[in-house]
């Protein structure tokens, strides 16, 4: 079962096991992570996030390298990333390439999302975990992905290092920071709030002579088709989205969700059971996550939060929240405000 339905493209496994060849057999690695060898060359196959985390954890253990993600990035080929690499190579600017990566990052993994914003003379690319993911993805997966973004950008703009301002990483400082320094050649901040890459904005918007609109369009269409197939098969994601859409209305019975998605109630139950979950688990998880986010906003009354989450009264919301967290919504809000005040002081 994928954790909260999150998955990674199966071919992302290939560079990991290739980088670990000197340390461990491929068979042992895949067995440890419960990954079937016959799937890892198929871009239409997806690996649950919990299995990928097992693989990344094993990678650090067998290599003894807490920067193993950087090493893995050296073994990534264009075909490992479906059509994303080819669309990137055809981009007409670094900004266009990064924006394309942001739109199609789910092709690689649904665990992270990419945001791009301008700040004065900088273009800032930030990575955030998916909203319903209970914990951060592996630090090695993040290392590998950021390194891949930098390496890919250098292929179309070889002078990138002259225009890379800084990189922020949420991970702790590695035992040997020189690996990251050699990879990025810019100031690196560890233990940051968000993972960020900062470019000179003028550089990111500079036209690239190798850009090919027609080729980029063909590969972008392939990526769009891939995401359509992915979302069609993502029953957990579909149910979660439908719950979010209907929460403010309060029509959250399993029968209503099933009907909205075109399933019978029994059919939806069966499909979710095949994924190792149930409608009630998804409903509780979704409500809990958004309840916590709302409660952090001190200006939102409890009654407003109650109805936004689809509860009919505050007592029902309070009972459910206490079941999820062990404390009432008001107690949680007080604790959060107290922690926030202490942090400021």
C-alpha atoms as a PDB file:
ATOM      1  CA  UNK A   1       0.000   0.000   0.000  1.00  0.00           C
ATOM      2  CA  UNK A   2       1.265   3.476  -0.830  1.00  0.00           C
ATOM      3  CA  UNK A   3       1.557   5.734   2.200  1.00  0.00           C
ATOM      4  CA  UNK A   4      -1.404   8.103   1.889  1.00  0.00           C
ATOM      5  CA  UNK A   5      -1.478   7.017  -1.763  1.00  0.00           C
ATOM      6  CA  UNK A   6       1.904   8.601  -2.589  1.00  0.00           C
ATOM      7  CA  UNK A   7       4.158   6.928  -5.120  1.00  0.00           C
ATOM      8  CA  UNK A   8       7.360   7.328  -7.129  1.00  0.00           C
ATOM      9  CA  UNK A   9       7.942   6.360 -10.753  1.00  0.00           C
ATOM     10  CA  UNK A  10       9.390   2.826 -10.783  1.00  0.00           C
ATOM     11  CA  UNK A  11      12.357   3.711 -13.005  1.00  0.00           C
ATOM     12  CA  UNK A  12      13.703   6.044 -10.290  1.00  0.00           C
ATOM     13  CA  UNK A  13      14.853   2.831  -8.574  1.00  0.00           C
ATOM     14  CA  UNK A  14      17.384   2.139 -11.359  1.00  0.00           C
ATOM     15  CA  UNK A  15      19.929   4.891 -10.584  1.00  0.00           C
ATOM     16  CA  UNK A  16      19.720   4.044  -6.873  1.00  0.00           C
ATOM     17  CA  UNK A  17      20.661   0.399  -7.280  1.00  0.00           C
ATOM     18  CA  UNK A  18      23.255   1.321  -9.923  1.00  0.00           C
ATOM     19  CA  UNK A  19      24.979   3.694  -7.480  1.00  0.00           C
ATOM     20  CA  UNK A  20      24.995   0.929  -4.849  1.00  0.00           C
ATOM     21  CA  UNK A  21      26.544  -1.784  -7.040  1.00  0.00           C
ATOM     22  CA  UNK A  22      29.945  -1.559  -5.287  1.00  0.00           C
ATOM     23  CA  UNK A  23      28.308  -2.140  -1.903  1.00  0.00           C
ATOM     24  CA  UNK A  24      25.444  -4.586  -2.248  1.00  0.00           C
ATOM     25  CA  UNK A  25      23.671  -6.866  -4.722  1.00  0.00           C
ATOM     26  CA  UNK A  26      20.637  -5.473  -6.498  1.00  0.00           C
ATOM     27  CA  UNK A  27      18.622  -8.494  -5.416  1.00  0.00           C
ATOM     28  CA  UNK A  28      19.341  -7.889  -1.725  1.00  0.00           C
ATOM     29  CA  UNK A  29      18.446  -4.198  -1.989  1.00  0.00           C
ATOM     30  CA  UNK A  30      15.159  -4.814  -3.770  1.00  0.00           C
ATOM     31  CA  UNK A  31      14.184  -7.636  -1.435  1.00  0.00           C
ATOM     32  CA  UNK A  32      14.822  -5.412   1.578  1.00  0.00           C
ATOM     33  CA  UNK A  33      12.573  -2.705   0.116  1.00  0.00           C
ATOM     34  CA  UNK A  34       9.902  -5.188  -1.099  1.00  0.00           C
ATOM     35  CA  UNK A  35      10.280  -3.955  -4.681  1.00  0.00           C
ATOM     36  CA  UNK A  36       9.728  -6.357  -7.570  1.00  0.00           C
ATOM     37  CA  UNK A  37      12.648  -6.367 -10.029  1.00  0.00           C
ATOM     38  CA  UNK A  38      10.393  -6.861 -13.051  1.00  0.00           C
ATOM     39  CA  UNK A  39       8.686  -3.490 -12.450  1.00  0.00           C
ATOM     40  CA  UNK A  40      11.672  -1.165 -12.186  1.00  0.00           C
ATOM     41  CA  UNK A  41      12.152  -0.615 -15.924  1.00  0.00           C
ATOM     42  CA  UNK A  42       8.502   0.220 -16.560  1.00  0.00           C
ATOM     43  CA  UNK A  43       7.683   3.950 -16.374  1.00  0.00           C
ATOM     44  CA  UNK A  44       3.998   3.096 -16.035  1.00  0.00           C
ATOM     45  CA  UNK A  45       4.659   1.292 -12.758  1.00  0.00           C
ATOM     46  CA  UNK A  46       4.698   3.179  -9.462  1.00  0.00           C
ATOM     47  CA  UNK A  47       6.489   2.316  -6.217  1.00  0.00           C
ATOM     48  CA  UNK A  48       4.785   3.160  -2.879  1.00  0.00           C
ATOM     49  CA  UNK A  49       6.604   5.795  -0.870  1.00  0.00           C
ATOM     50  CA  UNK A  50       7.197   3.505   2.111  1.00  0.00           C
ATOM     51  CA  UNK A  51       9.122   1.092  -0.137  1.00  0.00           C
ATOM     52  CA  UNK A  52      11.219   3.923  -1.563  1.00  0.00           C
ATOM     53  CA  UNK A  53      12.037   5.101   1.942  1.00  0.00           C
ATOM     54  CA  UNK A  54      13.210   1.579   2.824  1.00  0.00           C
ATOM     55  CA  UNK A  55      15.438   1.639  -0.243  1.00  0.00           C
ATOM     56  CA  UNK A  56      16.925   5.053   0.575  1.00  0.00           C
ATOM     57  CA  UNK A  57      17.529   4.050   4.205  1.00  0.00           C
ATOM     58  CA  UNK A  58      19.262   0.901   3.032  1.00  0.00           C
ATOM     59  CA  UNK A  59      21.320   2.959   0.573  1.00  0.00           C
ATOM     60  CA  UNK A  60      22.823   5.042   3.372  1.00  0.00           C
ATOM     61  CA  UNK A  61      23.475   1.987   5.551  1.00  0.00           C
ATOM     62  CA  UNK A  62      25.275  -0.113   2.922  1.00  0.00           C
ATOM     63  CA  UNK A  63      27.276   2.794   1.463  1.00  0.00           C
ATOM     64  CA  UNK A  64      28.083   4.491   4.773  1.00  0.00           C
ATOM     65  CA  UNK A  65      27.464   7.752   2.917  1.00  0.00           C
ATOM     66  CA  UNK A  66      25.010  10.295   4.323  1.00  0.00           C
ATOM     67  CA  UNK A  67      25.192  12.119   0.960  1.00  0.00           C
ATOM     68  CA  UNK A  68      24.256   9.087  -1.130  1.00  0.00           C
ATOM     69  CA  UNK A  69      21.505  11.030  -2.907  1.00  0.00           C
ATOM     70  CA  UNK A  70      24.125  13.171  -4.642  1.00  0.00           C
ATOM     71  CA  UNK A  71      25.888  10.036  -5.869  1.00  0.00           C
ATOM     72  CA  UNK A  72      22.628   8.575  -7.172  1.00  0.00           C
ATOM     73  CA  UNK A  73      22.000  11.700  -9.276  1.00  0.00           C
ATOM     74  CA  UNK A  74      25.091  10.822 -11.343  1.00  0.00           C
ATOM     75  CA  UNK A  75      23.425   7.617 -12.575  1.00  0.00           C
ATOM     76  CA  UNK A  76      20.108   9.107 -13.742  1.00  0.00           C
ATOM     77  CA  UNK A  77      19.467   8.734 -17.480  1.00  0.00           C
ATOM     78  CA  UNK A  78      16.864  10.516 -19.604  1.00  0.00           C
ATOM     79  CA  UNK A  79      14.667   7.425 -19.813  1.00  0.00           C
ATOM     80  CA  UNK A  80      14.431   7.152 -16.009  1.00  0.00           C
ATOM     81  CA  UNK A  81      12.238  10.268 -15.935  1.00  0.00           C
ATOM     82  CA  UNK A  82       9.742   9.443 -18.690  1.00  0.00           C
ATOM     83  CA  UNK A  83       9.489  12.474 -21.042  1.00  0.00           C
ATOM     84  CA  UNK A  84      10.504  15.096 -18.468  1.00  0.00           C
ATOM     85  CA  UNK A  85      14.202  15.093 -19.376  1.00  0.00           C
ATOM     86  CA  UNK A  86      13.485  15.554 -23.077  1.00  0.00           C
ATOM     87  CA  UNK A  87      11.003  18.374 -22.415  1.00  0.00           C
ATOM     88  CA  UNK A  88      13.624  20.008 -20.208  1.00  0.00           C
ATOM     89  CA  UNK A  89      16.316  19.832 -22.897  1.00  0.00           C
ATOM     90  CA  UNK A  90      13.956  21.517 -25.368  1.00  0.00           C
ATOM     91  CA  UNK A  91      13.104  24.390 -23.003  1.00  0.00           C
ATOM     92  CA  UNK A  92      13.758  27.928 -24.201  1.00  0.00           C
ATOM     93  CA  UNK A  93      14.962  29.201 -20.793  1.00  0.00           C
ATOM     94  CA  UNK A  94      15.875  27.970 -17.320  1.00  0.00           C
ATOM     95  CA  UNK A  95      12.641  29.485 -16.001  1.00  0.00           C
ATOM     96  CA  UNK A  96      10.585  27.579 -18.562  1.00  0.00           C
ATOM     97  CA  UNK A  97      12.387  24.366 -17.647  1.00  0.00           C
ATOM     98  CA  UNK A  98      11.832  24.861 -13.918  1.00  0.00           C
ATOM     99  CA  UNK A  99       8.180  25.763 -14.395  1.00  0.00           C
ATOM    100  CA  UNK A 100       7.753  22.593 -16.445  1.00  0.00           C
ATOM    101  CA  UNK A 101       9.396  20.576 -13.664  1.00  0.00           C
ATOM    102  CA  UNK A 102       6.950  22.145 -11.203  1.00  0.00           C
ATOM    103  CA  UNK A 103       3.915  21.239 -13.320  1.00  0.00           C
ATOM    104  CA  UNK A 104       5.009  17.664 -13.888  1.00  0.00           C
ATOM    105  CA  UNK A 105       6.888  16.785 -10.685  1.00  0.00           C
ATOM    106  CA  UNK A 106       4.168  14.241  -9.833  1.00  0.00           C
ATOM    107  CA  UNK A 107       5.431  12.134 -12.731  1.00  0.00           C
ATOM    108  CA  UNK A 108       8.575  11.508 -10.668  1.00  0.00           C
ATOM    109  CA  UNK A 109       7.003  11.504  -7.205  1.00  0.00           C
ATOM    110  CA  UNK A 110       3.701  12.639  -5.725  1.00  0.00           C
ATOM    111  CA  UNK A 111       5.350  13.214  -2.320  1.00  0.00           C
ATOM    112  CA  UNK A 112       6.737  16.664  -3.171  1.00  0.00           C
ATOM    113  CA  UNK A 113       5.512  19.777  -4.924  1.00  0.00           C
ATOM    114  CA  UNK A 114       7.611  22.548  -6.452  1.00  0.00           C
ATOM    115  CA  UNK A 115       6.789  26.234  -6.114  1.00  0.00           C
ATOM    116  CA  UNK A 116       8.435  29.029  -8.097  1.00  0.00           C
ATOM    117  CA  UNK A 117       8.357  32.699  -7.207  1.00  0.00           C
ATOM    118  CA  UNK A 118      10.199  35.926  -7.993  1.00  0.00           C
ATOM    119  CA  UNK A 119      11.824  37.968  -5.256  1.00  0.00           C
ATOM    120  CA  UNK A 120      13.458  41.191  -6.401  1.00  0.00           C
ATOM    121  CA  UNK A 121      16.313  40.045  -8.673  1.00  0.00           C
ATOM    122  CA  UNK A 122      16.029  36.379  -7.727  1.00  0.00           C
ATOM    123  CA  UNK A 123      14.039  33.419  -8.978  1.00  0.00           C
ATOM    124  CA  UNK A 124      13.360  31.062  -6.053  1.00  0.00           C
ATOM    125  CA  UNK A 125      12.503  27.384  -6.490  1.00  0.00           C
ATOM    126  CA  UNK A 126      11.190  25.760  -3.314  1.00  0.00           C
ATOM    127  CA  UNK A 127      10.286  22.160  -2.515  1.00  0.00           C
ATOM    128  CA  UNK A 128       7.467  21.270  -0.135  1.00  0.00           C
ATOM    129  CA  UNK A 129       6.133  17.909   0.984  1.00  0.00           C
ATOM    130  CA  UNK A 130       2.602  17.020  -0.108  1.00  0.00           C
ATOM    131  CA  UNK A 131      -0.055  18.412   2.234  1.00  0.00           C
ATOM    132  CA  UNK A 132      -1.310  15.014   3.355  1.00  0.00           C
ATOM    133  CA  UNK A 133       2.130  13.479   3.881  1.00  0.00           C
ATOM    134  CA  UNK A 134       2.671  12.959   7.643  1.00  0.00           C
ATOM    135  CA  UNK A 135       6.463  13.307   7.487  1.00  0.00           C
ATOM    136  CA  UNK A 136       9.197  14.552   5.171  1.00  0.00           C
ATOM    137  CA  UNK A 137      10.432  12.293   2.357  1.00  0.00           C
ATOM    138  CA  UNK A 138      13.915  10.821   2.645  1.00  0.00           C
ATOM    139  CA  UNK A 139      16.667  13.456   2.795  1.00  0.00           C
ATOM    140  CA  UNK A 140      18.490  11.406   0.163  1.00  0.00           C
ATOM    141  CA  UNK A 141      15.540  11.554  -2.224  1.00  0.00           C
ATOM    142  CA  UNK A 142      15.476  15.334  -1.823  1.00  0.00           C
ATOM    143  CA  UNK A 143      19.271  15.564  -2.278  1.00  0.00           C
ATOM    144  CA  UNK A 144      19.052  13.506  -5.455  1.00  0.00           C
ATOM    145  CA  UNK A 145      16.172  15.544  -6.874  1.00  0.00           C
ATOM    146  CA  UNK A 146      17.783  18.939  -6.216  1.00  0.00           C
ATOM    147  CA  UNK A 147      21.106  17.725  -7.595  1.00  0.00           C
ATOM    148  CA  UNK A 148      19.274  16.488 -10.682  1.00  0.00           C
ATOM    149  CA  UNK A 149      17.616  19.891 -11.185  1.00  0.00           C
ATOM    150  CA  UNK A 150      21.004  21.602 -11.026  1.00  0.00           C
ATOM    151  CA  UNK A 151      22.743  19.084 -13.304  1.00  0.00           C
ATOM    152  CA  UNK A 152      19.894  19.233 -15.825  1.00  0.00           C
ATOM    153  CA  UNK A 153      19.938  23.029 -15.836  1.00  0.00           C
ATOM    154  CA  UNK A 154      23.690  23.027 -16.461  1.00  0.00           C
ATOM    155  CA  UNK A 155      23.148  20.932 -19.590  1.00  0.00           C
ATOM    156  CA  UNK A 156      21.201  23.740 -21.209  1.00  0.00           C
ATOM    157  CA  UNK A 157      23.091  26.607 -19.509  1.00  0.00           C
ATOM    158  CA  UNK A 158      26.693  25.503 -18.809  1.00  0.00           C
ATOM    159  CA  UNK A 159      27.515  28.767 -17.002  1.00  0.00           C
ATOM    160  CA  UNK A 160      24.858  28.106 -14.339  1.00  0.00           C
ATOM    161  CA  UNK A 161      27.347  28.142 -11.448  1.00  0.00           C
ATOM    162  CA  UNK A 162      28.060  31.797 -12.155  1.00  0.00           C
ATOM    163  CA  UNK A 163      24.386  32.604 -11.511  1.00  0.00           C
ATOM    164  CA  UNK A 164      23.448  30.221  -8.686  1.00  0.00           C
ATOM    165  CA  UNK A 165      23.011  32.388  -5.573  1.00  0.00           C
ATOM    166  CA  UNK A 166      22.416  29.868  -2.782  1.00  0.00           C
ATOM    167  CA  UNK A 167      20.757  26.612  -1.757  1.00  0.00           C
ATOM    168  CA  UNK A 168      18.804  25.965   1.436  1.00  0.00           C
ATOM    169  CA  UNK A 169      18.332  22.387   2.658  1.00  0.00           C
ATOM    170  CA  UNK A 170      16.075  21.167   5.470  1.00  0.00           C
ATOM    171  CA  UNK A 171      18.452  18.294   6.214  1.00  0.00           C
ATOM    172  CA  UNK A 172      21.138  18.499   8.875  1.00  0.00           C
ATOM    173  CA  UNK A 173      24.709  19.259   7.859  1.00  0.00           C
ATOM    174  CA  UNK A 174      26.318  16.069   6.478  1.00  0.00           C
ATOM    175  CA  UNK A 175      29.421  14.511   7.956  1.00  0.00           C
ATOM    176  CA  UNK A 176      31.382  15.668   4.918  1.00  0.00           C
ATOM    177  CA  UNK A 177      29.847  18.868   3.476  1.00  0.00           C
ATOM    178  CA  UNK A 178      32.362  18.977   0.616  1.00  0.00           C
ATOM    179  CA  UNK A 179      30.140  16.665  -1.470  1.00  0.00           C
ATOM    180  CA  UNK A 180      27.367  19.248  -1.521  1.00  0.00           C
ATOM    181  CA  UNK A 181      29.834  22.088  -2.046  1.00  0.00           C
ATOM    182  CA  UNK A 182      31.351  20.345  -5.076  1.00  0.00           C
ATOM    183  CA  UNK A 183      27.894  19.669  -6.479  1.00  0.00           C
ATOM    184  CA  UNK A 184      26.535  23.224  -6.114  1.00  0.00           C
ATOM    185  CA  UNK A 185      29.564  25.563  -5.812  1.00  0.00           C
ATOM    186  CA  UNK A 186      27.510  28.168  -3.934  1.00  0.00           C
ATOM    187  CA  UNK A 187      26.612  28.997  -0.315  1.00  0.00           C
ATOM    188  CA  UNK A 188      24.582  26.158   1.271  1.00  0.00           C
ATOM    189  CA  UNK A 189      22.414  26.571   4.357  1.00  0.00           C
ATOM    190  CA  UNK A 190      21.437  23.448   6.308  1.00  0.00           C
ATOM    191  CA  UNK A 191      18.528  22.910   8.743  1.00  0.00           C
ATOM    192  CA  UNK A 192      16.489  25.472   6.774  1.00  0.00           C
ATOM    193  CA  UNK A 193      12.713  25.788   7.011  1.00  0.00           C
ATOM    194  CA  UNK A 194      12.280  24.966   3.307  1.00  0.00           C
ATOM    195  CA  UNK A 195      14.420  23.494   0.566  1.00  0.00           C
ATOM    196  CA  UNK A 196      15.163  26.335  -1.832  1.00  0.00           C
ATOM    197  CA  UNK A 197      17.296  27.029  -4.870  1.00  0.00           C
ATOM    198  CA  UNK A 198      17.960  30.700  -5.624  1.00  0.00           C
ATOM    199  CA  UNK A 199      18.978  31.802  -9.114  1.00  0.00           C
ATOM    200  CA  UNK A 200      19.702  35.197 -10.574  1.00  0.00           C
ATOM    201  CA  UNK A 201      16.396  36.090 -12.176  1.00  0.00           C
ATOM    202  CA  UNK A 202      17.941  37.654 -15.289  1.00  0.00           C
ATOM    203  CA  UNK A 203      19.909  34.460 -15.914  1.00  0.00           C
ATOM    204  CA  UNK A 204      16.836  32.243 -15.470  1.00  0.00           C
ATOM    205  CA  UNK A 205      14.916  34.273 -18.042  1.00  0.00           C
ATOM    206  CA  UNK A 206      17.745  34.422 -20.584  1.00  0.00           C
ATOM    207  CA  UNK A 207      16.753  32.751 -23.903  1.00  0.00           C
ATOM    208  CA  UNK A 208      18.499  29.464 -24.692  1.00  0.00           C
ATOM    209  CA  UNK A 209      19.471  28.899 -28.313  1.00  0.00           C
ATOM    210  CA  UNK A 210      18.789  25.137 -28.152  1.00  0.00           C
ATOM    211  CA  UNK A 211      15.121  25.671 -27.221  1.00  0.00           C
ATOM    212  CA  UNK A 212      12.683  23.813 -29.460  1.00  0.00           C
ATOM    213  CA  UNK A 213       9.009  24.672 -29.000  1.00  0.00           C
ATOM    214  CA  UNK A 214       7.726  21.778 -31.118  1.00  0.00           C
ATOM    215  CA  UNK A 215       9.839  19.158 -29.350  1.00  0.00           C
ATOM    216  CA  UNK A 216       8.946  20.582 -25.931  1.00  0.00           C
ATOM    217  CA  UNK A 217       5.249  20.467 -26.840  1.00  0.00           C
ATOM    218  CA  UNK A 218       5.384  16.816 -27.946  1.00  0.00           C
ATOM    219  CA  UNK A 219       7.051  15.733 -24.722  1.00  0.00           C
ATOM    220  CA  UNK A 220       4.771  17.892 -22.600  1.00  0.00           C
ATOM    221  CA  UNK A 221       1.761  16.159 -24.139  1.00  0.00           C
ATOM    222  CA  UNK A 222       3.306  12.796 -23.229  1.00  0.00           C
ATOM    223  CA  UNK A 223       3.697  14.013 -19.646  1.00  0.00           C
ATOM    224  CA  UNK A 224       0.104  15.241 -19.516  1.00  0.00           C
ATOM    225  CA  UNK A 225      -1.141  11.879 -20.799  1.00  0.00           C
ATOM    226  CA  UNK A 226       0.938  10.133 -18.145  1.00  0.00           C
ATOM    227  CA  UNK A 227      -0.579  12.245 -15.348  1.00  0.00           C
ATOM    228  CA  UNK A 228      -4.089  11.524 -16.620  1.00  0.00           C
ATOM    229  CA  UNK A 229      -3.387   7.788 -16.364  1.00  0.00           C
ATOM    230  CA  UNK A 230      -1.774   8.221 -12.953  1.00  0.00           C
ATOM    231  CA  UNK A 231      -4.705  10.161 -11.505  1.00  0.00           C
ATOM    232  CA  UNK A 232      -7.246   7.784 -13.021  1.00  0.00           C
ATOM    233  CA  UNK A 233      -5.633   4.899 -11.150  1.00  0.00           C
ATOM    234  CA  UNK A 234      -5.160   6.889  -7.931  1.00  0.00           C
ATOM    235  CA  UNK A 235      -8.350   5.948  -6.099  1.00  0.00           C
ATOM    236  CA  UNK A 236      -7.035   7.286  -2.766  1.00  0.00           C
ATOM    237  CA  UNK A 237      -6.223  10.631  -4.357  1.00  0.00           C
ATOM    238  CA  UNK A 238      -9.634  10.775  -6.057  1.00  0.00           C
ATOM    239  CA  UNK A 239     -11.476  10.052  -2.821  1.00  0.00           C
ATOM    240  CA  UNK A 240      -9.382  12.605  -0.916  1.00  0.00           C
ATOM    241  CA  UNK A 241     -10.055  15.310  -3.530  1.00  0.00           C
ATOM    242  CA  UNK A 242     -13.786  14.549  -3.509  1.00  0.00           C
ATOM    243  CA  UNK A 243     -13.871  14.737   0.292  1.00  0.00           C
ATOM    244  CA  UNK A 244     -12.153  18.137   0.142  1.00  0.00           C
ATOM    245  CA  UNK A 245     -14.617  19.365  -2.478  1.00  0.00           C
ATOM    246  CA  UNK A 246     -17.653  18.269  -0.465  1.00  0.00           C
ATOM    247  CA  UNK A 247     -16.470  19.069   3.070  1.00  0.00           C
ATOM    248  CA  UNK A 248     -17.939  22.593   3.162  1.00  0.00           C
ATOM    249  CA  UNK A 249     -21.296  21.193   2.017  1.00  0.00           C
ATOM    250  CA  UNK A 250     -21.265  18.437   4.633  1.00  0.00           C
ATOM    251  CA  UNK A 251     -22.317  15.667   2.223  1.00  0.00           C
ATOM    252  CA  UNK A 252     -19.628  13.232   3.365  1.00  0.00           C
ATOM    253  CA  UNK A 253     -21.355   9.868   3.573  1.00  0.00           C
ATOM    254  CA  UNK A 254     -19.527   7.025   1.859  1.00  0.00           C
ATOM    255  CA  UNK A 255     -22.583   6.524  -0.332  1.00  0.00           C
ATOM    256  CA  UNK A 256     -22.443  10.116  -1.553  1.00  0.00           C
ATOM    257  CA  UNK A 257     -18.684  10.011  -2.233  1.00  0.00           C
ATOM    258  CA  UNK A 258     -19.052   6.711  -4.114  1.00  0.00           C
ATOM    259  CA  UNK A 259     -21.924   8.082  -6.184  1.00  0.00           C
ATOM    260  CA  UNK A 260     -19.974  11.260  -7.025  1.00  0.00           C
ATOM    261  CA  UNK A 261     -17.089   9.125  -8.294  1.00  0.00           C
ATOM    262  CA  UNK A 262     -19.374   6.798 -10.257  1.00  0.00           C
ATOM    263  CA  UNK A 263     -18.942   3.756  -7.973  1.00  0.00           C
ATOM    264  CA  UNK A 264     -21.327   1.699  -5.939  1.00  0.00           C
ATOM    265  CA  UNK A 265     -20.673   1.908  -2.203  1.00  0.00           C
ATOM    266  CA  UNK A 266     -19.531  -1.727  -2.232  1.00  0.00           C
ATOM    267  CA  UNK A 267     -17.302  -1.124  -5.260  1.00  0.00           C
ATOM    268  CA  UNK A 268     -15.568   1.835  -3.605  1.00  0.00           C
ATOM    269  CA  UNK A 269     -15.082  -0.170  -0.407  1.00  0.00           C
ATOM    270  CA  UNK A 270     -13.467  -2.983  -2.399  1.00  0.00           C
ATOM    271  CA  UNK A 271     -11.106  -0.677  -4.306  1.00  0.00           C
ATOM    272  CA  UNK A 272      -9.960   1.072  -1.132  1.00  0.00           C
ATOM    273  CA  UNK A 273      -9.513  -2.256   0.641  1.00  0.00           C
ATOM    274  CA  UNK A 274      -7.226  -3.376  -2.203  1.00  0.00           C
ATOM    275  CA  UNK A 275      -5.067  -0.320  -1.361  1.00  0.00           C
ATOM    276  CA  UNK A 276      -5.015  -1.256   2.327  1.00  0.00           C
ATOM    277  CA  UNK A 277      -7.269   1.569   3.478  1.00  0.00           C
ATOM    278  CA  UNK A 278     -10.916   2.533   3.934  1.00  0.00           C
ATOM    279  CA  UNK A 279     -13.169   5.505   3.388  1.00  0.00           C
ATOM    280  CA  UNK A 280     -13.291   6.278   7.110  1.00  0.00           C
ATOM    281  CA  UNK A 281      -9.491   6.325   7.356  1.00  0.00           C
ATOM    282  CA  UNK A 282      -9.239   8.756   4.434  1.00  0.00           C
ATOM    283  CA  UNK A 283     -12.027  10.960   5.829  1.00  0.00           C
ATOM    284  CA  UNK A 284     -10.481  11.112   9.308  1.00  0.00           C
ATOM    285  CA  UNK A 285      -6.981  11.747   7.965  1.00  0.00           C
ATOM    286  CA  UNK A 286      -8.171  14.557   5.679  1.00  0.00           C
ATOM    287  CA  UNK A 287     -10.277  16.209   8.376  1.00  0.00           C
ATOM    288  CA  UNK A 288      -7.510  15.926  10.970  1.00  0.00           C
ATOM    289  CA  UNK A 289      -4.901  17.525   8.711  1.00  0.00           C
ATOM    290  CA  UNK A 290      -7.127  20.481   7.773  1.00  0.00           C
ATOM    291  CA  UNK A 291      -8.428  20.882  11.319  1.00  0.00           C
ATOM    292  CA  UNK A 292      -4.861  21.370  12.544  1.00  0.00           C
ATOM    293  CA  UNK A 293      -4.116  23.885   9.777  1.00  0.00           C
ATOM    294  CA  UNK A 294      -7.286  25.846  10.556  1.00  0.00           C
ATOM    295  CA  UNK A 295      -6.658  25.837  14.315  1.00  0.00           C
ATOM    296  CA  UNK A 296      -3.268  27.416  13.751  1.00  0.00           C
ATOM    297  CA  UNK A 297      -5.127  30.426  12.332  1.00  0.00           C
ATOM    298  CA  UNK A 298      -6.130  32.138  15.562  1.00  0.00           C
ATOM    299  CA  UNK A 299      -8.662  34.387  13.859  1.00  0.00           C
ATOM    300  CA  UNK A 300     -10.842  31.462  12.688  1.00  0.00           C
ATOM    301  CA  UNK A 301     -13.667  30.681  15.154  1.00  0.00           C
ATOM    302  CA  UNK A 302     -14.140  27.031  16.134  1.00  0.00           C
ATOM    303  CA  UNK A 303     -17.688  27.139  14.730  1.00  0.00           C
ATOM    304  CA  UNK A 304     -16.396  28.191  11.302  1.00  0.00           C
ATOM    305  CA  UNK A 305     -13.797  25.407  11.334  1.00  0.00           C
ATOM    306  CA  UNK A 306     -16.502  22.929  12.336  1.00  0.00           C
ATOM    307  CA  UNK A 307     -18.595  23.636   9.259  1.00  0.00           C
ATOM    308  CA  UNK A 308     -15.627  23.904   6.917  1.00  0.00           C
ATOM    309  CA  UNK A 309     -14.754  20.329   7.895  1.00  0.00           C
ATOM    310  CA  UNK A 310     -18.288  19.105   7.250  1.00  0.00           C
ATOM    311  CA  UNK A 311     -19.316  18.524  10.872  1.00  0.00           C
ATOM    312  CA  UNK A 312     -22.881  19.405  11.871  1.00  0.00           C
ATOM    313  CA  UNK A 313     -21.997  20.790  15.304  1.00  0.00           C
ATOM    314  CA  UNK A 314     -18.971  21.734  17.413  1.00  0.00           C
ATOM    315  CA  UNK A 315     -19.447  18.862  19.866  1.00  0.00           C
ATOM    316  CA  UNK A 316     -19.082  16.312  17.037  1.00  0.00           C
ATOM    317  CA  UNK A 317     -15.949  18.079  15.818  1.00  0.00           C
ATOM    318  CA  UNK A 318     -14.522  18.238  19.341  1.00  0.00           C
ATOM    319  CA  UNK A 319     -15.125  14.513  19.948  1.00  0.00           C
ATOM    320  CA  UNK A 320     -13.472  13.545  16.670  1.00  0.00           C
ATOM    321  CA  UNK A 321     -10.498  15.870  17.191  1.00  0.00           C
ATOM    322  CA  UNK A 322      -9.937  14.497  20.689  1.00  0.00           C
ATOM    323  CA  UNK A 323     -10.033  10.966  19.283  1.00  0.00           C
ATOM    324  CA  UNK A 324      -7.354  11.928  16.716  1.00  0.00           C
ATOM    325  CA  UNK A 325      -5.040  13.914  18.972  1.00  0.00           C
ATOM    326  CA  UNK A 326      -5.986  13.224  22.594  1.00  0.00           C
ATOM    327  CA  UNK A 327      -6.895  16.869  23.263  1.00  0.00           C
ATOM    328  CA  UNK A 328      -9.748  19.222  22.357  1.00  0.00           C
ATOM    329  CA  UNK A 329      -9.517  21.782  19.528  1.00  0.00           C
ATOM    330  CA  UNK A 330      -9.337  24.650  22.039  1.00  0.00           C
ATOM    331  CA  UNK A 331      -6.521  22.953  23.962  1.00  0.00           C
ATOM    332  CA  UNK A 332      -4.608  22.348  20.731  1.00  0.00           C
ATOM    333  CA  UNK A 333      -4.978  25.998  19.733  1.00  0.00           C
ATOM    334  CA  UNK A 334      -3.716  27.172  23.146  1.00  0.00           C
ATOM    335  CA  UNK A 335      -0.711  24.816  22.987  1.00  0.00           C
ATOM    336  CA  UNK A 336       0.170  25.957  19.487  1.00  0.00           C
ATOM    337  CA  UNK A 337      -0.054  29.626  20.442  1.00  0.00           C
ATOM    338  CA  UNK A 338       2.087  29.006  23.535  1.00  0.00           C
ATOM    339  CA  UNK A 339       4.764  27.233  21.449  1.00  0.00           C
ATOM    340  CA  UNK A 340       4.666  30.036  18.882  1.00  0.00           C
ATOM    341  CA  UNK A 341       5.143  32.691  21.574  1.00  0.00           C
ATOM    342  CA  UNK A 342       8.051  30.765  23.110  1.00  0.00           C
ATOM    343  CA  UNK A 343       9.725  30.511  19.691  1.00  0.00           C
ATOM    344  CA  UNK A 344       9.467  34.282  19.234  1.00  0.00           C
ATOM    345  CA  UNK A 345      10.954  34.903  22.664  1.00  0.00           C
END
